[in-house]
Amino acid sequence: SIVYVVTWLPTLVVNGVKVLSHGIEEHSAPPVYITLRFLNSLFTLNNV
């Protein structure tokens, strides 16, 4: 249960940021959109 919560919270936060800031990946520098993509994919750890 702890792993599920810890791995899903970053995904929820990133998607919330994308909803509030339209096009943040297209309007930002590489460190920002790479970090967003990394955090958004962490929920896969829950299944692994």
All heavy atoms as atom14 arrays in JSON, in Angstrom:
{
  "sequence": "SIVYVVTWLPTLVVNGVKVLSHGIEEHSAPPVYITLRFLNSLFTLNNV",
  "atom14_mask": [
    [1, 1, 1, 1, 1, 1, 0, 0, 0, 0, 0, 0, 0, 0],
    [1, 1, 1, 1, 1, 1, 1, 1, 0, 0, 0, 0, 0, 0],
    [1, 1, 1, 1, 1, 1, 1, 0, 0, 0, 0, 0, 0, 0],
    [1, 1, 1, 1, 1, 1, 1, 1, 1, 1, 1, 1, 0, 0],
    [1, 1, 1, 1, 1, 1, 1, 0, 0, 0, 0, 0, 0, 0],
    [1, 1, 1, 1, 1, 1, 1, 0, 0, 0, 0, 0, 0, 0],
    [1, 1, 1, 1, 1, 1, 1, 0, 0, 0, 0, 0, 0, 0],
    [1, 1, 1, 1, 1, 1, 1, 1, 1, 1, 1, 1, 1, 1],
    [1, 1, 1, 1, 1, 1, 1, 1, 0, 0, 0, 0, 0, 0],
    [1, 1, 1, 1, 1, 1, 1, 0, 0, 0, 0, 0, 0, 0],
    [1, 1, 1, 1, 1, 1, 1, 0, 0, 0, 0, 0, 0, 0],
    [1, 1, 1, 1, 1, 1, 1, 1, 0, 0, 0, 0, 0, 0],
    [1, 1, 1, 1, 1, 1, 1, 0, 0, 0, 0, 0, 0, 0],
    [1, 1, 1, 1, 1, 1, 1, 0, 0, 0, 0, 0, 0, 0],
    [1, 1, 1, 1, 1, 1, 1, 1, 0, 0, 0, 0, 0, 0],
    [1, 1, 1, 1, 0, 0, 0, 0, 0, 0, 0, 0, 0, 0],
    [1, 1, 1, 1, 1, 1, 1, 0, 0, 0, 0, 0, 0, 0],
    [1, 1, 1, 1, 1, 1, 1, 1, 1, 0, 0, 0, 0, 0],
    [1, 1, 1, 1, 1, 1, 1, 0, 0, 0, 0, 0, 0, 0],
    [1, 1, 1, 1, 1, 1, 1, 1, 0, 0, 0, 0, 0, 0],
    [1, 1, 1, 1, 1, 1, 0, 0, 0, 0, 0, 0, 0, 0],
    [1, 1, 1, 1, 1, 1, 1, 1, 1, 1, 0, 0, 0, 0],
    [1, 1, 1, 1, 0, 0, 0, 0, 0, 0, 0, 0, 0, 0],
    [1, 1, 1, 1, 1, 1, 1, 1, 0, 0, 0, 0, 0, 0],
    [1, 1, 1, 1, 1, 1, 1, 1, 1, 0, 0, 0, 0, 0],
    [1, 1, 1, 1, 1, 1, 1, 1, 1, 0, 0, 0, 0, 0],
    [1, 1, 1, 1, 1, 1, 1, 1, 1, 1, 0, 0, 0, 0],
    [1, 1, 1, 1, 1, 1, 0, 0, 0, 0, 0, 0, 0, 0],
    [1, 1, 1, 1, 1, 0, 0, 0, 0, 0, 0, 0, 0, 0],
    [1, 1, 1, 1, 1, 1, 1, 0, 0, 0, 0, 0, 0, 0],
    [1, 1, 1, 1, 1, 1, 1, 0, 0, 0, 0, 0, 0, 0],
    [1, 1, 1, 1, 1, 1, 1, 0, 0, 0, 0, 0, 0, 0],
    [1, 1, 1, 1, 1, 1, 1, 1, 1, 1, 1, 1, 0, 0],
    [1, 1, 1, 1, 1, 1, 1, 1, 0, 0, 0, 0, 0, 0],
    [1, 1, 1, 1, 1, 1, 1, 0, 0, 0, 0, 0, 0, 0],
    [1, 1, 1, 1, 1, 1, 1, 1, 0, 0, 0, 0, 0, 0],
    [1, 1, 1, 1, 1, 1, 1, 1, 1, 1, 1, 0, 0, 0],
    [1, 1, 1, 1, 1, 1, 1, 1, 1, 1, 1, 0, 0, 0],
    [1, 1, 1, 1, 1, 1, 1, 1, 0, 0, 0, 0, 0, 0],
    [1, 1, 1, 1, 1, 1, 1, 1, 0, 0, 0, 0, 0, 0],
    [1, 1, 1, 1, 1, 1, 0, 0, 0, 0, 0, 0, 0, 0],
    [1, 1, 1, 1, 1, 1, 1, 1, 0, 0, 0, 0, 0, 0],
    [1, 1, 1, 1, 1, 1, 1, 1, 1, 1, 1, 0, 0, 0],
    [1, 1, 1, 1, 1, 1, 1, 0, 0, 0, 0, 0, 0, 0],
    [1, 1, 1, 1, 1, 1, 1, 1, 0, 0, 0, 0, 0, 0],
    [1, 1, 1, 1, 1, 1, 1, 1, 0, 0, 0, 0, 0, 0],
    [1, 1, 1, 1, 1, 1, 1, 1, 0, 0, 0, 0, 0, 0],
    [1, 1, 1, 1, 1, 1, 1, 0, 0, 0, 0, 0, 0, 0]
  ],
  "atom14_positions": [
    [[0.83, -1.22, 0.0], [0.0, 0.0, 0.0], [0.86, 1.26, 0.0], [0.55, 2.23, -0.7], [-0.92, -0.01, 1.22], [-1.71, -1.18, 1.25], [0.0, 0.0, 0.0], [0.0, 0.0, 0.0], [0.0, 0.0, 0.0], [0.0, 0.0, 0.0], [0.0, 0.0, 0.0], [0.0, 0.0, 0.0], [0.0, 0.0, 0.0], [0.0, 0.0, 0.0]],
    [[1.94, 1.25, 0.78], [2.82, 2.42, 0.83], [3.46, 2.68, -0.53], [3.53, 3.83, -1.0], [3.89, 2.23, 1.92], [3.24, 2.24, 3.31], [4.96, 3.3, 1.83], [4.2, 1.91, 4.43], [0.0, 0.0, 0.0], [0.0, 0.0, 0.0], [0.0, 0.0, 0.0], [0.0, 0.0, 0.0], [0.0, 0.0, 0.0], [0.0, 0.0, 0.0]],
    [[3.93, 1.61, -1.18], [4.53, 1.76, -2.51], [3.52, 2.32, -3.5], [3.84, 3.17, -4.34], [5.09, 0.41, -2.99], [5.51, 0.48, -4.46], [6.29, -0.01, -2.14], [0.0, 0.0, 0.0], [0.0, 0.0, 0.0], [0.0, 0.0, 0.0], [0.0, 0.0, 0.0], [0.0, 0.0, 0.0], [0.0, 0.0, 0.0], [0.0, 0.0, 0.0]],
    [[2.28, 1.84, -3.42], [1.24, 2.35, -4.32], [1.05, 3.85, -4.14], [1.0, 4.61, -5.12], [-0.07, 1.61, -4.05], [-1.24, 2.14, -4.85], [-1.48, 1.71, -6.14], [-2.1, 3.1, -4.31], [-2.54, 2.2, -6.88], [-3.17, 3.6, -5.05], [-3.38, 3.15, -6.32], [-4.43, 3.65, -7.04], [0.0, 0.0, 0.0], [0.0, 0.0, 0.0]],
    [[0.93, 4.29, -2.9], [0.69, 5.72, -2.63], [1.89, 6.56, -3.05], [1.75, 7.6, -3.72], [0.37, 5.93, -1.14], [0.27, 7.41, -0.82], [-0.92, 5.21, -0.76], [0.0, 0.0, 0.0], [0.0, 0.0, 0.0], [0.0, 0.0, 0.0], [0.0, 0.0, 0.0], [0.0, 0.0, 0.0], [0.0, 0.0, 0.0], [0.0, 0.0, 0.0]],
    [[3.1, 6.1, -2.71], [4.31, 6.88, -2.99], [4.54, 7.01, -4.49], [4.98, 8.07, -4.97], [5.53, 6.22, -2.31], [6.83, 6.85, -2.78], [5.41, 6.36, -0.79], [0.0, 0.0, 0.0], [0.0, 0.0, 0.0], [0.0, 0.0, 0.0], [0.0, 0.0, 0.0], [0.0, 0.0, 0.0], [0.0, 0.0, 0.0], [0.0, 0.0, 0.0]],
    [[4.25, 5.96, -5.27], [4.49, 6.01, -6.71], [3.39, 6.72, -7.48], [3.62, 7.21, -8.59], [4.66, 4.59, -7.28], [3.53, 3.79, -6.92], [5.92, 3.95, -6.72], [0.0, 0.0, 0.0], [0.0, 0.0, 0.0], [0.0, 0.0, 0.0], [0.0, 0.0, 0.0], [0.0, 0.0, 0.0], [0.0, 0.0, 0.0], [0.0, 0.0, 0.0]],
    [[2.18, 6.79, -6.9], [1.08, 7.43, -7.63], [0.97, 8.92, -7.35], [0.48, 9.68, -8.19], [-0.25, 6.76, -7.29], [-0.67, 5.79, -8.34], [-0.67, 4.42, -8.27], [-1.15, 6.11, -9.65], [-1.11, 3.87, -9.45], [-1.42, 4.89, -10.32], [-1.38, 7.29, -10.34], [-1.9, 4.82, -11.63], [-1.85, 7.24, -11.64], [-2.1, 6.02, -12.26]],
    [[1.4, 9.37, -6.19], [1.28, 10.79, -5.87], [2.02, 11.7, -6.85], [1.48, 12.74, -7.27], [1.75, 11.05, -4.44], [0.75, 10.67, -3.33], [1.34, 10.96, -1.96], [-0.58, 11.41, -3.51], [0.0, 0.0, 0.0], [0.0, 0.0, 0.0], [0.0, 0.0, 0.0], [0.0, 0.0, 0.0], [0.0, 0.0, 0.0], [0.0, 0.0, 0.0]],
    [[3.29, 11.39, -7.26], [3.94, 12.25, -8.27], [3.17, 12.33, -9.58], [3.11, 13.4, -10.2], [5.31, 11.57, -8.47], [5.54, 10.8, -7.23], [4.2, 10.33, -6.78], [0.0, 0.0, 0.0], [0.0, 0.0, 0.0], [0.0, 0.0, 0.0], [0.0, 0.0, 0.0], [0.0, 0.0, 0.0], [0.0, 0.0, 0.0], [0.0, 0.0, 0.0]],
    [[2.57, 11.2, -10.01], [1.79, 11.21, -11.25], [0.58, 12.12, -11.13], [0.26, 12.88, -12.06], [1.35, 9.77, -11.59], [2.51, 8.95, -11.73], [0.56, 9.74, -12.88], [0.0, 0.0, 0.0], [0.0, 0.0, 0.0], [0.0, 0.0, 0.0], [0.0, 0.0, 0.0], [0.0, 0.0, 0.0], [0.0, 0.0, 0.0], [0.0, 0.0, 0.0]],
    [[-0.11, 12.06, -9.99], [-1.26, 12.93, -9.79], [-0.84, 14.41, -9.77], [-1.52, 15.26, -10.34], [-1.96, 12.57, -8.48], [-2.65, 11.21, -8.42], [-3.2, 10.94, -7.02], [-3.78, 11.15, -9.44], [0.0, 0.0, 0.0], [0.0, 0.0, 0.0], [0.0, 0.0, 0.0], [0.0, 0.0, 0.0], [0.0, 0.0, 0.0], [0.0, 0.0, 0.0]],
    [[0.29, 14.7, -9.12], [0.76, 16.09, -9.06], [1.14, 16.6, -10.44], [0.78, 17.72, -10.84], [1.95, 16.19, -8.08], [2.59, 17.58, -8.15], [1.5, 15.9, -6.65], [0.0, 0.0, 0.0], [0.0, 0.0, 0.0], [0.0, 0.0, 0.0], [0.0, 0.0, 0.0], [0.0, 0.0, 0.0], [0.0, 0.0, 0.0], [0.0, 0.0, 0.0]],
    [[1.87, 15.79, -11.22], [2.31, 16.2, -12.56], [1.11, 16.44, -13.47], [1.06, 17.45, -14.21], [3.25, 15.14, -13.16], [3.48, 15.4, -14.65], [4.58, 15.13, -12.43], [0.0, 0.0, 0.0], [0.0, 0.0, 0.0], [0.0, 0.0, 0.0], [0.0, 0.0, 0.0], [0.0, 0.0, 0.0], [0.0, 0.0, 0.0], [0.0, 0.0, 0.0]],
    [[0.12, 15.55, -13.43], [-1.06, 15.75, -14.27], [-1.85, 16.97, -13.84], [-2.44, 17.67, -14.67], [-1.94, 14.5, -14.23], [-1.43, 13.41, -15.13], [-1.67, 13.39, -16.33], [-0.68, 12.46, -14.56], [0.0, 0.0, 0.0], [0.0, 0.0, 0.0], [0.0, 0.0, 0.0], [0.0, 0.0, 0.0], [0.0, 0.0, 0.0], [0.0, 0.0, 0.0]],
    [[-1.87, 17.25, -12.53], [-2.52, 18.47, -12.06], [-1.81, 19.72, -12.57], [-2.45, 20.7, -12.97], [0.0, 0.0, 0.0], [0.0, 0.0, 0.0], [0.0, 0.0, 0.0], [0.0, 0.0, 0.0], [0.0, 0.0, 0.0], [0.0, 0.0, 0.0], [0.0, 0.0, 0.0], [0.0, 0.0, 0.0], [0.0, 0.0, 0.0], [0.0, 0.0, 0.0]],
    [[-0.46, 19.68, -12.58], [0.31, 20.81, -13.1], [0.04, 21.0, -14.59], [-0.1, 22.13, -15.08], [1.82, 20.58, -12.84], [2.66, 21.61, -13.59], [2.11, 20.64, -11.35], [0.0, 0.0, 0.0], [0.0, 0.0, 0.0], [0.0, 0.0, 0.0], [0.0, 0.0, 0.0], [0.0, 0.0, 0.0], [0.0, 0.0, 0.0], [0.0, 0.0, 0.0]],
    [[-0.05, 19.89, -15.35], [-0.32, 19.99, -16.79], [-1.71, 20.56, -17.07], [-1.9, 21.29, -18.04], [-0.19, 18.6, -17.43], [1.24, 18.11, -17.53], [1.28, 16.76, -18.24], [2.7, 16.27, -18.41], [2.74, 14.96, -19.11], [0.0, 0.0, 0.0], [0.0, 0.0, 0.0], [0.0, 0.0, 0.0], [0.0, 0.0, 0.0], [0.0, 0.0, 0.0]],
    [[-2.67, 20.21, -16.23], [-4.03, 20.73, -16.42], [-4.07, 22.24, -16.14], [-4.69, 23.01, -16.89], [-5.02, 19.98, -15.5], [-6.38, 20.67, -15.5], [-5.18, 18.54, -15.96], [0.0, 0.0, 0.0], [0.0, 0.0, 0.0], [0.0, 0.0, 0.0], [0.0, 0.0, 0.0], [0.0, 0.0, 0.0], [0.0, 0.0, 0.0], [0.0, 0.0, 0.0]],
    [[-3.4, 22.65, -15.08], [-3.41, 24.07, -14.71], [-2.52, 24.91, -15.6], [-2.81, 26.09, -15.84], [-2.99, 24.22, -13.24], [-3.91, 23.56, -12.21], [-3.33, 23.68, -10.81], [-5.31, 24.16, -12.26], [0.0, 0.0, 0.0], [0.0, 0.0, 0.0], [0.0, 0.0, 0.0], [0.0, 0.0, 0.0], [0.0, 0.0, 0.0], [0.0, 0.0, 0.0]],
    [[-1.41, 24.33, -16.09], [-0.48, 25.06, -16.96], [-0.49, 24.4, -18.33], [0.27, 23.46, -18.59], [0.93, 25.03, -16.37], [0.94, 25.57, -15.07], [0.0, 0.0, 0.0], [0.0, 0.0, 0.0], [0.0, 0.0, 0.0], [0.0, 0.0, 0.0], [0.0, 0.0, 0.0], [0.0, 0.0, 0.0], [0.0, 0.0, 0.0], [0.0, 0.0, 0.0]],
    [[-1.36, 24.86, -19.21], [-1.5, 24.26, -20.54], [-0.19, 24.36, -21.31], [0.42, 25.42, -21.39], [-2.61, 24.96, -21.34], [-3.94, 24.91, -20.65], [-4.56, 23.72, -20.32], [-4.77, 25.89, -20.24], [-5.72, 23.98, -19.74], [-5.87, 25.3, -19.67], [0.0, 0.0, 0.0], [0.0, 0.0, 0.0], [0.0, 0.0, 0.0], [0.0, 0.0, 0.0]],
    [[0.26, 23.23, -21.86], [1.45, 23.23, -22.71], [2.75, 23.48, -21.98], [3.69, 24.04, -22.55], [0.0, 0.0, 0.0], [0.0, 0.0, 0.0], [0.0, 0.0, 0.0], [0.0, 0.0, 0.0], [0.0, 0.0, 0.0], [0.0, 0.0, 0.0], [0.0, 0.0, 0.0], [0.0, 0.0, 0.0], [0.0, 0.0, 0.0], [0.0, 0.0, 0.0]],
    [[2.84, 23.04, -20.72], [4.07, 23.29, -19.96], [5.25, 22.53, -20.55], [6.39, 23.01, -20.52], [3.86, 22.91, -18.47], [5.1, 23.32, -17.65], [3.57, 21.42, -18.31], [4.92, 23.18, -16.17], [0.0, 0.0, 0.0], [0.0, 0.0, 0.0], [0.0, 0.0, 0.0], [0.0, 0.0, 0.0], [0.0, 0.0, 0.0], [0.0, 0.0, 0.0]],
    [[5.02, 21.35, -21.13], [6.12, 20.6, -21.73], [6.65, 21.3, -22.99], [7.85, 21.29, -23.25], [5.68, 19.18, -22.09], [5.51, 18.26, -20.89], [5.28, 16.83, -21.3], [4.96, 16.58, -22.48], [5.42, 15.94, -20.45], [0.0, 0.0, 0.0], [0.0, 0.0, 0.0], [0.0, 0.0, 0.0], [0.0, 0.0, 0.0], [0.0, 0.0, 0.0]],
    [[5.74, 21.88, -23.78], [6.16, 22.52, -25.02], [6.77, 23.9, -24.79], [7.5, 24.4, -25.64], [4.96, 22.67, -25.98], [4.38, 21.36, -26.47], [3.46, 20.72, -25.45], [2.81, 21.45, -24.66], [3.41, 19.47, -25.41], [0.0, 0.0, 0.0], [0.0, 0.0, 0.0], [0.0, 0.0, 0.0], [0.0, 0.0, 0.0], [0.0, 0.0, 0.0]],
    [[6.49, 24.51, -23.63], [6.95, 25.88, -23.39], [8.12, 25.94, -22.4], [8.5, 27.04, -21.98], [5.8, 26.74, -22.84], [4.7, 26.95, -23.83], [3.7, 26.03, -24.02], [4.43, 27.99, -24.68], [2.85, 26.47, -24.94], [3.27, 27.64, -25.36], [0.0, 0.0, 0.0], [0.0, 0.0, 0.0], [0.0, 0.0, 0.0], [0.0, 0.0, 0.0]],
    [[8.68, 24.82, -22.02], [9.74, 24.81, -21.01], [11.04, 24.27, -21.59], [11.08, 23.73, -22.7], [9.31, 23.97, -19.81], [8.99, 22.65, -20.22], [0.0, 0.0, 0.0], [0.0, 0.0, 0.0], [0.0, 0.0, 0.0], [0.0, 0.0, 0.0], [0.0, 0.0, 0.0], [0.0, 0.0, 0.0], [0.0, 0.0, 0.0], [0.0, 0.0, 0.0]],
    [[12.11, 24.39, -20.8], [13.43, 23.92, -21.2], [13.56, 22.42, -20.93], [12.76, 21.84, -20.18], [14.5, 24.69, -20.44], [0.0, 0.0, 0.0], [0.0, 0.0, 0.0], [0.0, 0.0, 0.0], [0.0, 0.0, 0.0], [0.0, 0.0, 0.0], [0.0, 0.0, 0.0], [0.0, 0.0, 0.0], [0.0, 0.0, 0.0], [0.0, 0.0, 0.0]],
    [[14.58, 21.75, -21.51], [14.73, 20.3, -21.33], [14.74, 19.81, -19.89], [14.08, 18.8, -19.6], [16.07, 20.01, -22.02], [16.16, 21.05, -23.09], [15.54, 22.28, -22.51], [0.0, 0.0, 0.0], [0.0, 0.0, 0.0], [0.0, 0.0, 0.0], [0.0, 0.0, 0.0], [0.0, 0.0, 0.0], [0.0, 0.0, 0.0], [0.0, 0.0, 0.0]],
    [[15.43, 20.45, -18.94], [15.39, 19.92, -17.57], [13.98, 19.84, -16.98], [13.67, 18.91, -16.23], [16.25, 20.91, -16.78], [17.15, 21.52, -17.78], [16.34, 21.61, -19.04], [0.0, 0.0, 0.0], [0.0, 0.0, 0.0], [0.0, 0.0, 0.0], [0.0, 0.0, 0.0], [0.0, 0.0, 0.0], [0.0, 0.0, 0.0], [0.0, 0.0, 0.0]],
    [[13.12, 20.77, -17.37], [11.77, 20.79, -16.82], [10.92, 19.68, -17.41], [10.32, 18.87, -16.68], [11.09, 22.16, -17.06], [9.65, 22.14, -16.56], [11.88, 23.27, -16.37], [0.0, 0.0, 0.0], [0.0, 0.0, 0.0], [0.0, 0.0, 0.0], [0.0, 0.0, 0.0], [0.0, 0.0, 0.0], [0.0, 0.0, 0.0], [0.0, 0.0, 0.0]],
    [[10.87, 19.59, -18.76], [9.97, 18.58, -19.33], [10.51, 17.16, -19.18], [9.75, 16.21, -19.18], [9.62, 18.9, -20.79], [10.74, 18.98, -21.8], [11.4, 17.83, -22.25], [11.1, 20.2, -22.35], [12.4, 17.92, -23.19], [12.09, 20.29, -23.32], [12.75, 19.15, -23.73], [13.74, 19.22, -24.68], [0.0, 0.0, 0.0], [0.0, 0.0, 0.0]],
    [[11.84, 17.01, -19.03], [12.38, 15.67, -18.73], [11.99, 15.24, -17.33], [11.62, 14.09, -17.08], [13.91, 15.66, -18.92], [14.27, 15.86, -20.38], [14.5, 14.35, -18.41], [15.76, 16.03, -20.63], [0.0, 0.0, 0.0], [0.0, 0.0, 0.0], [0.0, 0.0, 0.0], [0.0, 0.0, 0.0], [0.0, 0.0, 0.0], [0.0, 0.0, 0.0]],
    [[12.08, 16.18, -16.38], [11.68, 15.88, -14.99], [10.2, 15.54, -14.91], [9.81, 14.6, -14.21], [12.0, 17.08, -14.08], [13.39, 17.38, -14.17], [11.64, 16.76, -12.63], [0.0, 0.0, 0.0], [0.0, 0.0, 0.0], [0.0, 0.0, 0.0], [0.0, 0.0, 0.0], [0.0, 0.0, 0.0], [0.0, 0.0, 0.0], [0.0, 0.0, 0.0]],
    [[9.37, 16.28, -15.62], [7.94, 15.99, -15.63], [7.65, 14.6, -16.2], [6.84, 13.85, -15.67], [7.19, 17.05, -16.43], [7.12, 18.46, -15.83], [6.48, 19.42, -16.81], [6.35, 18.44, -14.52], [0.0, 0.0, 0.0], [0.0, 0.0, 0.0], [0.0, 0.0, 0.0], [0.0, 0.0, 0.0], [0.0, 0.0, 0.0], [0.0, 0.0, 0.0]],
    [[8.33, 14.26, -17.29], [8.13, 12.94, -17.89], [8.61, 11.84, -16.95], [7.99, 10.77, -16.85], [8.87, 12.88, -19.23], [8.63, 11.63, -20.04], [7.18, 11.52, -20.48], [6.76, 12.64, -21.29], [6.84, 12.67, -22.61], [7.36, 11.64, -23.27], [6.38, 13.73, -23.28], [0.0, 0.0, 0.0], [0.0, 0.0, 0.0], [0.0, 0.0, 0.0]],
    [[9.71, 12.06, -16.26], [10.24, 11.08, -15.31], [9.27, 10.85, -14.16], [8.94, 9.71, -13.81], [11.6, 11.54, -14.79], [12.11, 10.76, -13.62], [12.58, 9.46, -13.78], [12.1, 11.3, -12.34], [13.04, 8.73, -12.69], [12.56, 10.58, -11.25], [13.04, 9.3, -11.43], [0.0, 0.0, 0.0], [0.0, 0.0, 0.0], [0.0, 0.0, 0.0]],
    [[8.78, 11.95, -13.56], [7.85, 11.82, -12.43], [6.54, 11.18, -12.87], [5.93, 10.42, -12.12], [7.59, 13.2, -11.83], [8.78, 13.88, -11.13], [8.4, 15.27, -10.67], [9.26, 13.04, -9.95], [0.0, 0.0, 0.0], [0.0, 0.0, 0.0], [0.0, 0.0, 0.0], [0.0, 0.0, 0.0], [0.0, 0.0, 0.0], [0.0, 0.0, 0.0]],
    [[6.1, 11.48, -14.08], [4.83, 10.95, -14.57], [4.89, 9.45, -14.83], [3.85, 8.78, -14.85], [4.44, 11.68, -15.85], [2.96, 11.57, -16.14], [2.16, 11.37, -15.24], [2.59, 11.68, -17.41], [0.0, 0.0, 0.0], [0.0, 0.0, 0.0], [0.0, 0.0, 0.0], [0.0, 0.0, 0.0], [0.0, 0.0, 0.0], [0.0, 0.0, 0.0]],
    [[6.09, 8.9, -15.02], [6.23, 7.47, -15.3], [6.53, 6.65, -14.05], [6.66, 5.42, -14.15], [7.34, 7.25, -16.33], [8.59, 7.71, -15.85], [0.0, 0.0, 0.0], [0.0, 0.0, 0.0], [0.0, 0.0, 0.0], [0.0, 0.0, 0.0], [0.0, 0.0, 0.0], [0.0, 0.0, 0.0], [0.0, 0.0, 0.0], [0.0, 0.0, 0.0]],
    [[6.61, 7.28, -12.89], [6.99, 6.55, -11.68], [5.91, 5.57, -11.22], [6.22, 4.64, -10.48], [7.29, 7.54, -10.55], [8.65, 8.24, -10.6], [8.81, 9.15, -9.39], [9.79, 7.24, -10.66], [0.0, 0.0, 0.0], [0.0, 0.0, 0.0], [0.0, 0.0, 0.0], [0.0, 0.0, 0.0], [0.0, 0.0, 0.0], [0.0, 0.0, 0.0]],
    [[4.65, 5.77, -11.64], [3.6, 4.88, -11.15], [3.83, 3.44, -11.62], [3.29, 2.5, -11.03], [2.23, 5.38, -11.6], [1.89, 5.06, -13.04], [1.22, 3.89, -13.35], [2.23, 5.93, -14.04], [0.9, 3.6, -14.67], [1.9, 5.65, -15.35], [1.24, 4.47, -15.67], [0.0, 0.0, 0.0], [0.0, 0.0, 0.0], [0.0, 0.0, 0.0]],
    [[4.65, 3.25, -12.68], [4.95, 1.9, -13.15], [5.7, 1.1, -12.09], [5.62, -0.13, -12.05], [5.78, 1.96, -14.45], [5.18, 2.89, -15.35], [5.86, 0.61, -15.13], [0.0, 0.0, 0.0], [0.0, 0.0, 0.0], [0.0, 0.0, 0.0], [0.0, 0.0, 0.0], [0.0, 0.0, 0.0], [0.0, 0.0, 0.0], [0.0, 0.0, 0.0]],
    [[6.43, 1.8, -11.22], [7.12, 1.12, -10.12], [6.16, 0.33, -9.24], [6.53, -0.7, -8.67], [7.88, 2.14, -9.26], [9.24, 2.61, -9.77], [9.71, 3.79, -8.92], [10.24, 1.48, -9.72], [0.0, 0.0, 0.0], [0.0, 0.0, 0.0], [0.0, 0.0, 0.0], [0.0, 0.0, 0.0], [0.0, 0.0, 0.0], [0.0, 0.0, 0.0]],
    [[4.94, 0.81, -9.12], [3.95, 0.13, -8.3], [3.69, -1.29, -8.81], [3.51, -2.23, -8.02], [2.65, 0.94, -8.29], [1.48, 0.17, -7.76], [1.5, -0.3, -6.63], [0.45, 0.02, -8.58], [0.0, 0.0, 0.0], [0.0, 0.0, 0.0], [0.0, 0.0, 0.0], [0.0, 0.0, 0.0], [0.0, 0.0, 0.0], [0.0, 0.0, 0.0]],
    [[3.67, -1.48, -10.12], [3.42, -2.79, -10.71], [4.65, -3.67, -10.76], [4.54, -4.88, -10.96], [2.87, -2.62, -12.14], [1.73, -1.64, -12.2], [1.81, -0.62, -12.88], [0.64, -1.91, -11.48], [0.0, 0.0, 0.0], [0.0, 0.0, 0.0], [0.0, 0.0, 0.0], [0.0, 0.0, 0.0], [0.0, 0.0, 0.0], [0.0, 0.0, 0.0]],
    [[5.83, -3.07, -10.58], [7.08, -3.83, -10.65], [7.55, -4.26, -9.26], [8.16, -5.33, -9.1], [8.17, -2.97, -11.34], [9.5, -3.69, -11.36], [7.74, -2.63, -12.76], [0.0, 0.0, 0.0], [0.0, 0.0, 0.0], [0.0, 0.0, 0.0], [0.0, 0.0, 0.0], [0.0, 0.0, 0.0], [0.0, 0.0, 0.0], [0.0, 0.0, 0.0]]
  ]
}
